[in-house]
Amino acid sequence: MDVAGLLVHDIAGSYFSSIVASVTRAAEEQGAIVVLGTVPRDRVRRDAAGPRHRPRRQPHH
C-alpha cells in the first residue's frame, strides 16, 4: 500500500481542509492512504527558508 504524507498549517481553515480533502480523495482512488500532520505557521516559514545551523541543546544537569 502506498502512503502519502501531508503537512498543513491549519486543518480547521477552509483553505487547508479543501487541500486535505482533495489529496485524500485522489489517494483513495489510487488505493493509497494519507498520513496527515500539522505544523505551526512559524515552523513552515522557517523551514521554507532553507537549511540552517541549529544550535546544540545544552545538556540538563
Protein backbone atom coordinates (compact mmCIF):
# COMPACT_ATOMS: atom_id res chain seq x y z
CA MET A 1 0.00 0.00 0.00
CA ASP A 2 1.31 3.46 -0.90
CA VAL A 3 1.36 6.19 1.71
CA ALA A 4 1.41 9.95 1.15
CA GLY A 5 2.45 12.34 3.91
CA LEU A 6 0.81 15.75 4.10
CA LEU A 7 1.75 18.58 6.49
CA VAL A 8 -0.54 21.59 6.75
CA HIS A 9 -0.71 24.64 8.96
CA ASP A 10 -4.35 24.61 9.99
CA ILE A 11 -6.82 21.81 9.26
CA ALA A 12 -9.73 23.89 10.55
CA GLY A 13 -9.47 26.57 7.87
CA SER A 14 -11.34 26.10 4.61
CA TYR A 15 -8.19 26.57 2.51
CA PHE A 16 -6.24 23.70 4.04
CA SER A 17 -9.25 21.47 4.62
CA SER A 18 -10.08 21.60 0.90
CA ILE A 19 -6.48 20.66 0.06
CA VAL A 20 -6.60 17.76 2.52
CA ALA A 21 -9.93 16.57 1.09
CA SER A 22 -8.61 16.68 -2.48
CA VAL A 23 -5.38 14.88 -1.64
CA THR A 24 -7.24 12.24 0.39
CA ARG A 25 -9.75 11.65 -2.39
CA ALA A 26 -7.00 11.29 -5.01
CA ALA A 27 -5.03 8.94 -2.77
CA GLU A 28 -8.06 6.75 -2.11
CA GLU A 29 -8.72 6.50 -5.86
CA GLN A 30 -5.18 5.13 -6.22
CA GLY A 31 -5.51 2.75 -3.27
CA ALA A 32 -3.17 4.82 -1.11
CA ILE A 33 -3.56 6.31 2.33
CA VAL A 34 -2.70 9.79 3.61
CA VAL A 35 -0.88 10.48 6.84
CA LEU A 36 -1.78 13.98 7.99
CA GLY A 37 0.18 16.21 10.31
CA THR A 38 0.01 19.83 11.35
CA VAL A 39 2.85 22.25 11.91
CA PRO A 40 2.90 25.75 13.38
CA ARG A 41 2.91 28.55 10.81
CA ASP A 42 6.25 29.93 12.04
CA ARG A 43 7.84 26.50 11.56
CA VAL A 44 6.64 26.37 7.94
CA ARG A 45 8.13 29.81 7.22
CA ARG A 46 11.38 28.96 9.00
CA ASP A 47 11.83 25.64 7.19
CA ALA A 48 10.90 27.14 3.82
CA ALA A 49 13.87 29.48 4.16
CA GLY A 50 16.17 26.50 3.65
CA PRO A 51 18.74 24.66 5.69
CA ARG A 52 20.35 26.47 8.55
CA HIS A 53 22.52 25.82 11.52
CA ARG A 54 20.59 24.57 14.51
CA PRO A 55 22.07 25.41 17.89
CA ARG A 56 23.03 22.44 20.01
CA ARG A 57 20.89 21.80 23.03
CA GLN A 58 22.65 22.14 26.33
CA PRO A 59 22.50 19.02 28.49
CA HIS A 60 20.29 19.24 31.55
CA HIS A 61 22.10 18.82 34.86
